[in-house]
Structures are given as structure tokens and as C-alpha cells.
């Protein structure tokens, strides 16, 4: 006897089974590539890959465990959407990826987490778009340009010194990350846009407030949900960003609007100045001037090639925004780590002060030629960056399947480079948890394989503003250490004799607790 209800149930059951089968095939279609190429690694769970282990124990612990089981180079699934991830500590393989065959790994890997202006900047761009922007931005950091920028850096450093003196006079501790961020943001406002941000002179300056809240850390609950779903269906992230921008975008929307308006207003101001009959180009051009010099209209921009040193208006805005963000976050984190480590190692701080006094010779600010004489300071900066790299990792995506020294990297696989693990590898840096600036001394630095020191990245995609960052750090250390010493006490965080823990949060290394130090003025 025919029963319509059973027939209807059977049809829906068939549809459900079909959908589940399609979902399974879709979510596992990229799995198996590691085994096919003989790349060792843990066996993934069906559909959810290695997400359970990473969420339960954390990425860092799992990387350590998998490395102990599978060696320097291994693969797993689930860190990046719908592709295999290959982790490597092997210096020779890193050399192929970051230098020798850079053209096969020109693109960074990662999820799209923002629709903000920074998505059109150098960090996020790929392929020919990246190459054009890099061609435009590299000349910003020549010796001649950096000499022009030094005046602005000295101005910001002097204002930071006065801010520290004010904190001390009021009996306050120095909140390192906040004040370091105010310094680096003031520098980039001056050298990038010829703007006085008032970040160091006004407690709640609009510029300082917005740059301090540029990135949403930690992620919102909705943002986490959307990211989890996007692991299986990447287009969901684009939909989530468009429909729920306020809750999902990694860049706070109000902050994005502030900097977008600031950049557009700066562009309008400069174009208006250039249109005046009596306009004369200043010798003290800022970064935005150089970006505008390379600008072409959108129609011309459609036909640009990789070797062209031209960018569109959207790329001018995007690169301006990424300069602000990168200069603020990485350099302020580096300065925070340096001052913290100096407070914990007073003998090293005393040695550095001795060099500063010898180079400065009573000057109120360093000259450009003085900076190259600060040999020990360079060692301290590099060792601090090794101990606490501002960015804990970097990634590259393979454009084609290629074999290097017998190891095959398949097309589409992501090479994940755990910077914070490599710089703590005892094979590359003996006694890696010891703060030892002497390892970068002229006599010993030749023992270090350059490819293993990665705080600035390496190769053609390393930090374009590396030289400016080093100048910012050297100048401010000269001014601060000429006047004061940084110390830990029973009031500070961490307290005297204690250490602080750094955490990896959304692609950045940040202290578990905000670091606050005291200062002692030096007798002149």
C-alpha cells in the first residue's frame, strides 16, 4: 500500500543526505595534499581538521608538540581556511621561501578581516598591486629622506621626555605601552602628514585616542562566530563584514572613519597648496607628499604594470593608513619591551647609558651621524626584538608546486613561519631565554644566520619602514637615558624581581598585564 507521508519523508531524507555529503566533500576536498607529497604531520579530524586541539591547548603548545613529533617541517589543517599549512623552522627552506624563490611566495596568507582603508595598504596587497606600492614606498626611507625626518623624530622624543618628567613629578608610574604609543603616533603624524597630533601634549587628543583603539582586541563574540564559520565558507566573512561591520570588522569603524577623513583632508590641503601660483615644493616633504607624487587617476590605474612606480588614490589612502597603524603598533611594542628589559637588567642599562653619554657629549638631541655610533644600543634593540618580536609570525602562500632540496611545497599551501619560536631556538640562538645584547656584537653577530632573525621579516617583503623604526627607537632612548633610569619597585608592574608574560593575541605580542615602571632622575 502506498503511504504518501513515507514517500515525502524519504525525499527529504535523501535531500538531507545529499546536502551532508556535499558539505563533507566540500570541507575535505583540500585535505590529503600533505600526505600526497609525503609531508609529515598529525592526522586531521573529519571536517573540523585540527581546530579542537588548537582551541583546547592553544596554537603555541600544539606547535611545540607537533614539532617534537614530526621535526622542523610538518603540515596540518585548520589554521587558514581551506588550505594546508606547512610550518617550518628550517633555515634553508626559509631561505628558499623568503629570498631565493620569493616570486613563488610573494603573497601573504590570511583571512580577510576588514573592509577598512588599511585593506588597500602595502601589508594586505598581493601580486602586482603589492609590487607597485613597494616601488613607491621604498624611496621614502633613503638616507636623505631619513635625515629630513630626524627633526620631527627629535621633536616627538623631546615631548615624550617632558611627559615622563610630568608623570614623575605627579608621583605616577610610567604606563609603557600607552606612552610609547603616544610617541610613535606623534612621530608618524609629523613625518607622514606634517600634522601636530597633540598626542604627547594633550591627555585625550583625538588622534591618540583613535590610534590607540585602531584594532579591535580581543575579538567580539560575533566576530569569533563569523570567523569560525568562514573557516569552512570563506565568503561568509565578506557577508559578515558588510552586514555587521560594527561588530565584525577587525578595525573599529569609528576609528576607520576618523583616519579616512584625516587622510582625505590632508590630501585636499596638499592639493590646494600645490594649485596655488606661488607654490614651491619644500625640501621637507612628508610621506603623503611622496605618495601623491606617484598618484594616477583610476582609469590609468587599470592599466598599470608591476614595474610601474604609480598608485591610485585608493592605494594612496590605504598606504597612508597602514603607515599609521604599522608605525604605531610595532614600534610602540618594541619600545615597551626595550624599557622593560632595561629595568630588569640594570647592568645592561648602565652600560647603554655610558655609551649614550659618550656619543651625546652633552647634546640635547642626537644628530643623524651620531646614530651610527650607537653600536651597543643597536645590540640592545636587536636583542629586545628577538626576545619579544612585535609580530609573532608571518606567512607566505605558494603560487606553484615546487621542490626545494628534496622537499615539495604544493600549490596553494601556506608556509607558516613562527617567528617567536625560531628566535628562541637554541640551535640558532644559544641560551635563548637569556637577555644578552652581546650576541649581536660586531664580534659575534656573524655567528647568527640572518634568515633566523625575523622581527622585521626578511627578504623583499620585510618591513619597509625598518630604518625609520630604528631611528625612532635610538633617538628616544638617547633623550630618555640622558636624563633618567628605568627601575622596577614594589609599586611597579611587574614588581621588582618579577617578570611579565607576553601573549599572542590576534597576530600581535602583548603583555598579559600592562607594564608600568618607575624612573629615577640621573645626577648631572
Protein backbone atom coordinates (compact mmCIF):
# COMPACT_ATOMS: atom_id res chain seq x y z
CA UNK A 1 0.00 0.00 0.00
CA UNK A 2 1.37 3.47 -0.88
CA UNK A 3 1.78 5.87 2.05
CA UNK A 4 2.35 9.47 0.83
CA UNK A 5 3.92 10.61 4.13
CA UNK A 6 6.65 7.98 3.95
CA UNK A 7 7.45 8.95 0.39
CA UNK A 8 7.72 12.58 1.41
CA UNK A 9 9.98 11.72 4.38
CA UNK A 10 12.17 9.62 2.11
CA UNK A 11 12.55 12.54 -0.30
CA UNK A 12 13.56 14.96 2.45
CA UNK A 13 15.89 12.38 3.93
CA UNK A 14 17.50 11.93 0.53
CA UNK A 15 17.92 15.70 0.19
CA UNK A 16 19.43 15.90 3.69
CA UNK A 17 21.86 13.06 2.98
CA UNK A 18 22.80 14.75 -0.29
CA UNK A 19 23.46 18.08 1.43
CA UNK A 20 25.53 16.46 4.17
CA UNK A 21 27.54 14.54 1.58
CA UNK A 22 28.14 17.70 -0.43
CA UNK A 23 29.18 19.56 2.75
CA UNK A 24 31.59 16.77 3.70
CA UNK A 25 33.16 16.63 0.25
CA UNK A 26 33.47 20.42 0.12
CA UNK A 27 35.07 20.75 3.55
CA UNK A 28 37.52 17.89 2.99
CA UNK A 29 38.34 18.42 -0.70
CA UNK A 30 41.66 20.11 0.11
CA UNK A 31 42.66 17.57 2.77
CA UNK A 32 45.13 14.93 1.68
CA UNK A 33 47.59 17.14 -0.15
CA UNK A 34 50.14 16.84 2.66
CA UNK A 35 50.05 13.06 2.62
CA UNK A 36 50.21 13.04 -1.19
CA UNK A 37 53.52 14.92 -1.08
CA UNK A 38 54.97 13.00 1.84
CA UNK A 39 54.80 15.89 4.29
CA UNK A 40 54.63 14.59 7.89
CA UNK A 41 52.04 15.81 10.34
CA UNK A 42 49.12 14.86 12.58
CA UNK A 43 46.05 13.15 11.16
CA UNK A 44 43.15 15.62 10.89
CA UNK A 45 39.65 15.13 12.28
CA UNK A 46 36.91 14.86 9.64
CA UNK A 47 35.62 18.31 8.63
CA UNK A 48 36.95 20.17 11.71
CA UNK A 49 40.61 19.31 10.98
CA UNK A 50 42.87 20.32 13.90
CA UNK A 51 40.66 23.03 15.36
CA UNK A 52 39.78 21.03 18.53
CA UNK A 53 43.42 20.69 19.62
CA UNK A 54 44.27 24.32 18.84
CA UNK A 55 41.25 25.63 20.74
CA UNK A 56 41.76 23.37 23.73
CA UNK A 57 45.52 23.75 24.17
CA UNK A 58 46.36 26.87 22.15
CA UNK A 59 48.34 27.21 18.94
CA UNK A 60 51.70 27.71 20.66
CA UNK A 61 51.51 24.49 22.68
CA UNK A 62 50.36 22.45 19.67
CA UNK A 63 53.20 23.81 17.52
CA UNK A 64 55.68 22.67 20.16
CA UNK A 65 54.07 19.24 20.43
CA UNK A 66 53.87 18.68 16.68
CA UNK A 67 57.44 19.80 16.17
CA UNK A 68 58.65 17.32 18.78
CA UNK A 69 56.78 14.56 16.91
CA UNK A 70 57.42 15.46 13.28
CA UNK A 71 60.58 17.57 13.16
CA UNK A 72 61.46 21.01 11.82
CA UNK A 73 58.97 20.96 8.94
CA UNK A 74 55.48 19.48 9.12
CA UNK A 75 51.94 20.17 7.99
CA UNK A 76 48.44 20.40 9.42
CA UNK A 77 44.99 21.76 8.53
CA UNK A 78 42.68 24.36 10.04
CA UNK A 79 44.88 27.39 10.68
CA UNK A 80 43.90 29.03 7.38
CA UNK A 81 40.60 28.46 5.53
CA UNK A 82 40.50 25.60 3.02
CA UNK A 83 44.23 25.03 2.58
CA UNK A 84 47.11 23.07 4.04
CA UNK A 85 49.53 24.81 6.41
CA UNK A 86 53.23 23.92 6.43
CA UNK A 87 55.21 25.03 9.49
CA UNK A 88 58.98 25.23 9.20
CA UNK A 89 61.94 26.07 11.45
CA UNK A 90 64.41 25.02 8.74
CA UNK A 91 66.70 27.94 7.87
CA UNK A 92 67.49 26.57 4.41
CA UNK A 93 63.82 26.16 3.48
CA UNK A 94 63.12 29.64 4.85
CA UNK A 95 65.83 30.98 2.56
CA UNK A 96 64.08 29.47 -0.49
CA UNK A 97 60.69 30.84 0.57
CA UNK A 98 61.73 34.36 1.58
CA UNK A 99 64.68 35.04 -0.74
CA UNK A 100 65.73 32.61 -3.46
CA UNK A 101 62.28 31.87 -4.86
CA UNK A 102 60.45 34.89 -3.49
CA UNK A 103 58.37 35.23 -6.68
CA UNK A 104 56.62 31.95 -5.79
CA UNK A 105 55.81 33.21 -2.29
CA UNK A 106 55.18 36.91 -2.86
CA UNK A 107 51.75 36.87 -1.23
CA UNK A 108 50.95 36.79 2.47
CA UNK A 109 48.26 34.40 3.60
CA UNK A 110 45.43 35.18 5.94
CA UNK A 111 41.77 35.81 6.37
CA UNK A 112 40.07 38.95 5.22
CA UNK A 113 39.06 40.60 8.48
CA UNK A 114 38.42 44.21 7.49
CA UNK A 115 36.83 46.41 4.84
CA UNK A 116 38.63 49.46 6.23
CA UNK A 117 41.12 51.69 4.43
CA UNK A 118 44.07 49.50 5.52
CA UNK A 119 42.89 46.73 3.18
CA UNK A 120 44.30 48.81 0.31
CA UNK A 121 47.68 49.21 2.01
CA UNK A 122 51.03 47.53 1.44
CA UNK A 123 50.60 44.88 4.13
CA UNK A 124 47.37 43.49 2.65
CA UNK A 125 48.15 43.81 -1.05
CA UNK A 126 49.31 40.90 -3.18
CA UNK A 127 50.97 40.26 -6.53
CA UNK A 128 51.45 43.22 -8.87
CA UNK A 129 49.44 45.52 -6.60
CA UNK A 130 51.97 44.91 -3.82
CA UNK A 131 54.95 45.34 -6.16
CA UNK A 132 53.76 48.77 -7.36
CA UNK A 133 53.13 50.04 -3.84
CA UNK A 134 56.51 48.72 -2.69
CA UNK A 135 58.24 50.53 -5.57
CA UNK A 136 56.58 53.77 -4.46
CA UNK A 137 57.20 53.43 -0.72
CA UNK A 138 60.79 52.16 -0.65
CA UNK A 139 62.33 55.54 -1.64
CA UNK A 140 60.65 57.13 1.40
CA UNK A 141 63.31 55.63 3.64
CA UNK A 142 66.57 56.56 1.90
CA UNK A 143 69.31 58.24 3.93
CA UNK A 144 68.39 61.64 2.53
CA UNK A 145 64.73 61.28 3.48
CA UNK A 146 65.55 59.93 6.94
CA UNK A 147 67.80 62.95 7.63
CA UNK A 148 64.84 65.18 6.82
CA UNK A 149 62.62 63.19 9.19
CA UNK A 150 65.07 63.37 12.10
CA UNK A 151 63.90 66.86 13.11
CA UNK A 152 60.36 65.57 13.62
CA UNK A 153 61.55 62.47 15.50
CA UNK A 154 63.63 64.63 17.84
CA UNK A 155 60.63 66.90 18.44
CA UNK A 156 58.40 63.96 19.40
CA UNK A 157 61.11 62.39 21.60
CA UNK A 158 61.59 65.69 23.50
CA UNK A 159 57.84 65.85 24.13
CA UNK A 160 57.85 62.27 25.44
CA UNK A 161 60.70 63.15 27.80
CA UNK A 162 58.64 66.04 29.19
CA UNK A 163 55.65 63.71 29.59
CA UNK A 164 57.76 61.26 31.62
CA UNK A 165 59.03 64.10 33.79
CA UNK A 166 55.44 65.19 34.40
CA UNK A 167 54.41 61.66 35.43
CA UNK A 168 57.32 61.51 37.87
CA UNK A 169 56.54 64.93 39.35
CA UNK A 170 52.96 63.80 39.96
CA UNK A 171 54.13 60.58 41.62
CA UNK A 172 52.76 58.42 38.83
CA UNK A 173 54.30 55.29 37.29
CA UNK A 174 55.05 55.24 33.56
CA UNK A 175 52.46 53.18 31.61
CA UNK A 176 54.87 51.99 28.92
CA UNK A 177 52.59 50.86 26.08
CA UNK A 178 50.28 53.87 26.33
CA UNK A 179 53.06 56.45 26.43
CA UNK A 180 55.16 54.63 23.83
CA UNK A 181 52.09 54.59 21.59
CA UNK A 182 51.61 58.32 22.05
CA UNK A 183 55.24 58.85 20.99
CA UNK A 184 55.17 56.65 17.89
CA UNK A 185 51.81 58.04 16.78
CA UNK A 186 53.13 61.60 17.15
CA UNK A 187 56.16 60.71 15.03
CA UNK A 188 54.11 59.24 12.20
CA UNK A 189 51.69 62.19 12.24
CA UNK A 190 54.64 64.56 11.78
CA UNK A 191 56.79 62.63 9.28
CA UNK A 192 53.82 61.17 7.44
CA UNK A 193 51.42 64.09 7.18
CA UNK A 194 53.07 67.21 8.67
CA UNK A 195 50.44 67.16 11.42
CA UNK A 196 50.85 68.01 15.09
CA UNK A 197 48.78 65.19 16.58
CA UNK A 198 48.96 66.67 20.12
CA UNK A 199 49.28 63.03 21.24
CA UNK A 200 52.06 63.96 23.67
CA UNK A 201 50.72 67.30 24.87
CA UNK A 202 47.03 66.60 25.37
CA UNK A 203 45.88 63.78 27.63
CA UNK A 204 42.91 62.84 25.46
CA UNK A 205 43.89 64.02 22.00
CA UNK A 206 41.58 62.75 19.29
CA UNK A 207 44.47 61.36 17.25
CA UNK A 208 45.91 59.46 20.22
CA UNK A 209 42.53 58.10 21.30
CA UNK A 210 41.73 56.77 17.84
CA UNK A 211 45.10 55.24 17.09
CA UNK A 212 45.13 53.54 20.49
CA UNK A 213 41.84 51.87 19.56
CA UNK A 214 42.67 51.18 15.91
CA UNK A 215 42.48 47.38 16.16
CA UNK A 216 39.71 45.57 18.00
CA UNK A 217 41.50 43.33 20.56
CA UNK A 218 40.17 40.94 21.64
CA UNK A 219 37.60 39.94 19.03
CA UNK A 220 33.88 40.35 19.70
CA UNK A 221 31.72 37.26 20.15
CA UNK A 222 30.00 37.79 16.78
CA UNK A 223 33.37 38.32 15.15
CA UNK A 224 34.58 34.98 16.56
CA UNK A 225 31.45 33.19 15.33
CA UNK A 226 31.78 34.63 11.83
CA UNK A 227 35.46 33.69 11.70
CA UNK A 228 34.65 30.12 12.76
CA UNK A 229 32.03 29.71 10.02
CA UNK A 230 34.36 31.34 7.50
CA UNK A 231 36.87 28.56 8.17
CA UNK A 232 34.55 26.37 6.09
CA UNK A 233 32.93 29.03 3.86
CA UNK A 234 35.30 32.00 3.35
CA UNK A 235 32.61 34.11 1.57
CA UNK A 236 30.74 34.24 4.90
CA UNK A 237 33.40 36.65 6.19
CA UNK A 238 32.70 39.10 3.37
CA UNK A 239 28.97 38.87 4.05
CA UNK A 240 29.50 39.32 7.79
CA UNK A 241 31.77 42.32 7.23
CA UNK A 242 29.19 44.02 5.01
CA UNK A 243 26.10 43.26 7.10
CA UNK A 244 27.60 43.58 10.61
CA UNK A 245 30.54 45.95 10.12
CA UNK A 246 30.23 47.50 13.57
CA UNK A 247 30.57 44.11 15.31
CA UNK A 248 32.70 42.06 12.89
CA UNK A 249 35.34 44.34 11.32
CA UNK A 250 38.77 43.98 12.98
CA UNK A 251 39.27 47.74 12.61
CA UNK A 252 36.86 49.74 14.71
CA UNK A 253 34.52 51.51 12.24
CA UNK A 254 34.57 54.86 14.07
CA UNK A 255 38.38 54.77 14.07
CA UNK A 256 38.41 53.90 10.39
CA UNK A 257 36.15 56.89 9.66
CA UNK A 258 38.38 59.19 11.69
CA UNK A 259 41.58 58.27 9.85
CA UNK A 260 39.87 58.14 6.46
CA UNK A 261 38.67 61.71 6.97
CA UNK A 262 42.06 62.80 8.32
CA UNK A 263 43.88 61.38 5.28
CA UNK A 264 41.37 62.83 2.81
CA UNK A 265 41.55 66.25 4.48
CA UNK A 266 45.35 66.11 4.35
CA UNK A 267 45.23 65.22 0.64
CA UNK A 268 42.82 68.08 -0.09
CA UNK A 269 45.03 70.50 1.85
CA UNK A 270 48.15 69.47 -0.06
CA UNK A 271 46.45 69.54 -3.47
CA UNK A 272 45.09 73.01 -2.68
CA UNK A 273 48.59 74.21 -1.76
CA UNK A 274 50.00 72.76 -4.96
CA UNK A 275 47.39 74.55 -7.06
CA UNK A 276 48.50 77.98 -5.87
CA UNK A 277 50.52 80.02 -8.44
CA UNK A 278 53.22 80.81 -5.88
CA UNK A 279 53.61 77.17 -4.75
CA UNK A 280 57.19 75.99 -4.24
CA UNK A 281 57.98 72.43 -3.32
CA UNK A 282 59.52 72.21 0.14
CA UNK A 283 62.70 70.24 0.75
CA UNK A 284 61.00 68.78 3.83
CA UNK A 285 58.39 66.69 2.08
CA UNK A 286 56.42 64.17 4.12
CA UNK A 287 55.33 60.64 3.20
CA UNK A 288 51.96 61.77 1.90
CA UNK A 289 53.71 64.18 -0.49
CA UNK A 290 55.64 61.25 -1.96
CA UNK A 291 52.54 59.10 -2.28
CA UNK A 292 50.71 61.91 -4.08
CA UNK A 293 53.68 62.38 -6.43
CA UNK A 294 53.11 58.78 -7.56
CA UNK A 295 49.32 59.07 -7.90
CA UNK A 296 47.44 58.42 -11.16
CA UNK A 297 43.71 58.52 -11.86
CA UNK A 298 41.58 55.38 -11.60
CA UNK A 299 41.31 54.97 -15.37
CA UNK A 300 45.09 54.97 -15.81
CA UNK A 301 45.39 52.75 -12.73
CA UNK A 302 43.52 49.94 -14.52
CA UNK A 303 46.44 49.55 -16.94
CA UNK A 304 49.36 49.78 -14.53
CA UNK A 305 52.00 47.03 -14.54
CA UNK A 306 54.06 45.56 -11.71
CA UNK A 307 57.15 47.62 -12.55
CA UNK A 308 55.28 50.94 -12.66
CA UNK A 309 56.02 53.31 -9.81
CA UNK A 310 52.47 54.59 -9.71
CA UNK A 311 49.45 54.03 -7.46
CA UNK A 312 45.77 55.04 -7.45
CA UNK A 313 44.02 57.37 -4.99
CA UNK A 314 42.58 54.39 -3.06
CA UNK A 315 46.10 52.99 -2.75
CA UNK A 316 47.41 56.37 -1.57
CA UNK A 317 44.77 56.33 1.18
CA UNK A 318 45.35 52.67 2.04
CA UNK A 319 49.12 53.02 2.28
CA UNK A 320 48.74 56.16 4.39
CA UNK A 321 46.53 54.25 6.81
CA UNK A 322 48.84 51.24 7.03
CA UNK A 323 51.78 53.58 7.74
CA UNK A 324 49.86 54.97 10.71
CA UNK A 325 48.87 51.55 12.05
CA UNK A 326 52.21 49.80 11.50
CA UNK A 327 54.27 52.67 12.86
CA UNK A 328 52.12 52.84 15.97
CA UNK A 329 51.72 49.19 16.89
CA UNK A 330 55.08 47.59 16.12
CA UNK A 331 57.41 50.41 17.20
CA UNK A 332 55.48 51.17 20.39
CA UNK A 333 55.56 47.46 21.28
CA UNK A 334 59.31 47.40 20.63
CA UNK A 335 59.95 50.46 22.80
CA UNK A 336 57.85 48.96 25.59
CA UNK A 337 59.90 45.76 25.53
CA UNK A 338 63.23 47.60 25.46
CA UNK A 339 62.46 49.77 28.50
CA UNK A 340 61.04 46.79 30.39
CA UNK A 341 64.16 44.69 29.73
CA UNK A 342 66.48 47.57 30.69
CA UNK A 343 64.65 47.94 34.01
CA UNK A 344 65.04 44.21 34.65
CA UNK A 345 68.76 44.29 33.77
CA UNK A 346 70.26 47.42 35.39
CA UNK A 347 73.80 46.39 34.48
CA UNK A 348 72.89 46.43 30.78
CA UNK A 349 71.06 49.74 31.25
CA UNK A 350 74.16 51.25 32.89
CA UNK A 351 76.37 50.11 30.02
CA UNK A 352 73.95 51.59 27.50
CA UNK A 353 73.81 54.89 29.42
CA UNK A 354 77.62 55.02 29.32
CA UNK A 355 77.54 54.73 25.51
CA UNK A 356 74.76 57.33 25.21
CA UNK A 357 76.74 59.83 27.30
CA UNK A 358 79.85 59.21 25.23
CA UNK A 359 78.03 59.77 21.93
CA UNK A 360 75.78 62.65 23.01
CA UNK A 361 78.59 64.68 24.64
CA UNK A 362 76.06 66.89 26.41
CA UNK A 363 73.88 67.49 23.33
CA UNK A 364 70.16 67.87 23.90
CA UNK A 365 69.36 65.74 20.84
CA UNK A 366 71.32 63.35 18.58
CA UNK A 367 72.43 64.23 15.06
CA UNK A 368 71.97 61.74 12.22
CA UNK A 369 75.68 60.88 12.15
CA UNK A 370 75.55 60.13 15.91
CA UNK A 371 73.06 57.30 15.44
CA UNK A 372 75.53 55.01 13.65
CA UNK A 373 77.92 55.34 16.60
CA UNK A 374 75.40 53.76 18.97
CA UNK A 375 76.73 50.23 18.47
CA UNK A 376 75.73 48.83 21.85
CA UNK A 377 72.28 50.43 21.58
CA UNK A 378 71.75 48.60 18.29
CA UNK A 379 72.66 45.36 20.07
CA UNK A 380 70.15 46.11 22.85
CA UNK A 381 67.39 46.91 20.35
CA UNK A 382 68.01 43.77 18.30
CA UNK A 383 68.17 41.53 21.36
CA UNK A 384 64.93 43.06 22.71
CA UNK A 385 63.24 42.41 19.36
CA UNK A 386 64.50 38.84 19.49
CA UNK A 387 63.15 38.33 22.99
CA UNK A 388 59.78 39.91 22.18
CA UNK A 389 59.17 40.19 18.42
CA UNK A 390 56.25 42.64 17.89
CA UNK A 391 54.70 40.29 15.33
CA UNK A 392 54.88 36.64 16.43
CA UNK A 393 54.59 35.03 13.00
CA UNK A 394 54.42 35.59 9.27
CA UNK A 395 53.02 33.56 6.39
CA UNK A 396 53.51 33.08 2.65
CA UNK A 397 51.35 31.28 0.09
CA UNK A 398 52.78 29.07 -2.68
CA UNK A 399 51.69 30.09 -6.18
CA UNK A 400 53.01 26.90 -7.81
CA UNK A 401 54.09 23.42 -6.74
CA UNK A 402 57.89 23.35 -6.42
CA UNK A 403 60.56 21.20 -4.80
CA UNK A 404 63.42 22.60 -2.71
CA UNK A 405 66.28 20.37 -1.61
CA UNK A 406 64.03 17.32 -1.93
CA UNK A 407 61.06 18.88 -0.09
CA UNK A 408 57.96 19.62 -2.18
CA UNK A 409 55.63 22.51 -1.35
CA UNK A 410 52.29 22.10 -3.15
CA UNK A 411 50.44 24.94 -4.87
CA UNK A 412 48.09 26.81 -2.54
CA UNK A 413 49.80 25.63 0.66
CA UNK A 414 50.58 28.28 3.27
CA UNK A 415 54.08 28.42 4.74
CA UNK A 416 53.63 29.45 8.37
CA UNK A 417 56.79 30.90 9.92
CA UNK A 418 56.59 31.06 13.75
CA UNK A 419 58.97 33.95 14.37
CA UNK A 420 58.62 33.77 18.15
CA UNK A 421 59.63 30.10 18.09
CA UNK A 422 62.56 30.48 15.68
CA UNK A 423 64.17 33.34 17.62
CA UNK A 424 64.03 31.14 20.74
CA UNK A 425 65.55 28.10 19.02
CA UNK A 426 68.79 27.18 20.87
CA UNK A 427 70.36 25.96 17.61
CA UNK A 428 70.21 29.49 16.24
CA UNK A 429 70.44 31.47 19.49
CA UNK A 430 72.24 29.64 22.34
CA UNK A 431 70.69 30.16 25.78
CA UNK A 432 67.71 31.77 24.02
CA UNK A 433 65.79 32.95 27.11
CA UNK A 434 68.73 35.00 28.36
CA UNK A 435 68.71 38.71 27.55
CA UNK A 436 72.18 39.01 26.05
CA UNK A 437 72.85 42.00 23.74
CA UNK A 438 76.42 40.73 23.26
CA UNK A 439 75.13 38.07 20.86
CA UNK A 440 74.69 40.94 18.33
CA UNK A 441 78.13 42.43 18.98
CA UNK A 442 80.40 43.03 15.94
CA UNK A 443 82.49 40.02 17.01
CA UNK A 444 79.61 37.57 17.49
CA UNK A 445 76.86 38.64 15.11
CA UNK A 446 78.49 36.76 12.24
CA UNK A 447 77.58 33.57 14.13
CA UNK A 448 73.88 34.37 13.56
CA UNK A 449 72.23 33.19 10.36
CA UNK A 450 70.39 36.36 9.17
CA UNK A 451 67.39 34.33 7.99
CA UNK A 452 66.69 33.29 11.60
CA UNK A 453 66.39 36.87 12.92
CA UNK A 454 62.90 37.77 11.74
CA UNK A 455 61.35 40.60 13.82
CA UNK A 456 61.35 42.80 10.69
CA UNK A 457 60.57 39.91 8.36
CA UNK A 458 63.17 39.07 5.72
CA UNK A 459 63.80 39.49 2.02
CA UNK A 460 61.88 41.79 -0.28
CA UNK A 461 58.76 41.73 1.86
CA UNK A 462 60.47 42.75 5.09
CA UNK A 463 59.26 45.87 6.92
CA UNK A 464 59.62 48.81 4.52
CA UNK A 465 59.95 51.29 7.43
CA UNK A 466 62.63 49.33 9.31
CA UNK A 467 65.19 52.15 9.15
CA UNK A 468 62.72 54.75 10.39
CA UNK A 469 61.70 52.46 13.27
CA UNK A 470 65.34 52.07 14.34
CA UNK A 471 65.85 55.85 14.23
CA UNK A 472 62.70 56.39 16.35
CA UNK A 473 63.99 53.93 18.95
CA UNK A 474 67.56 55.27 19.03
CA UNK A 475 66.54 58.90 19.28
CA UNK A 476 64.07 58.39 22.12
CA UNK A 477 66.47 56.14 24.04
CA UNK A 478 69.16 58.81 23.76
CA UNK A 479 66.91 61.51 25.20
CA UNK A 480 65.38 59.36 27.92
CA UNK A 481 68.58 57.70 29.15
CA UNK A 482 70.44 61.02 29.16
CA UNK A 483 68.03 62.10 31.86
CA UNK A 484 66.74 59.06 33.74
CA UNK A 485 66.94 55.36 34.53
CA UNK A 486 64.05 52.93 34.43
CA UNK A 487 63.51 50.79 37.51
CA UNK A 488 61.23 48.18 39.00
CA UNK A 489 59.95 48.73 42.54
CA UNK A 490 57.29 47.25 44.80
CA UNK A 491 54.81 49.62 43.12
CA UNK A 492 55.56 48.71 39.51
CA UNK A 493 54.01 46.06 37.28
CA UNK A 494 55.77 43.70 37.27
CA UNK A 495 57.25 44.27 40.73
CA UNK A 496 60.98 44.30 41.40
CA UNK A 497 62.50 40.92 40.56
CA UNK A 498 59.38 39.71 38.73
CA UNK A 499 58.89 39.05 35.02
CA UNK A 500 55.89 39.66 32.80
CA UNK A 501 54.22 37.23 30.44
CA UNK A 502 53.59 38.06 26.79
CA UNK A 503 50.58 36.65 24.94
CA UNK A 504 49.86 36.14 21.25
CA UNK A 505 46.55 37.91 20.56
CA UNK A 506 45.15 38.37 17.04
CA UNK A 507 48.56 38.47 15.38
CA UNK A 508 50.33 40.65 17.97
CA UNK A 509 52.51 40.02 21.02
CA UNK A 510 51.16 41.93 24.01
CA UNK A 511 51.94 41.80 27.75
CA UNK A 512 49.44 39.83 29.82
CA UNK A 513 49.32 42.80 32.20
CA UNK A 514 50.07 46.40 31.26
CA UNK A 515 53.69 47.22 32.18
CA UNK A 516 54.22 50.21 34.47
CA UNK A 517 57.71 51.30 35.52
CA UNK A 518 59.20 53.98 37.73
CA UNK A 519 62.04 56.32 36.77
CA UNK A 520 64.96 57.76 38.73
CA UNK A 521 66.46 61.02 37.51
CA UNK A 522 70.17 60.91 36.86
CA UNK A 523 72.55 63.32 38.59
CA UNK A 524 74.19 65.57 36.06
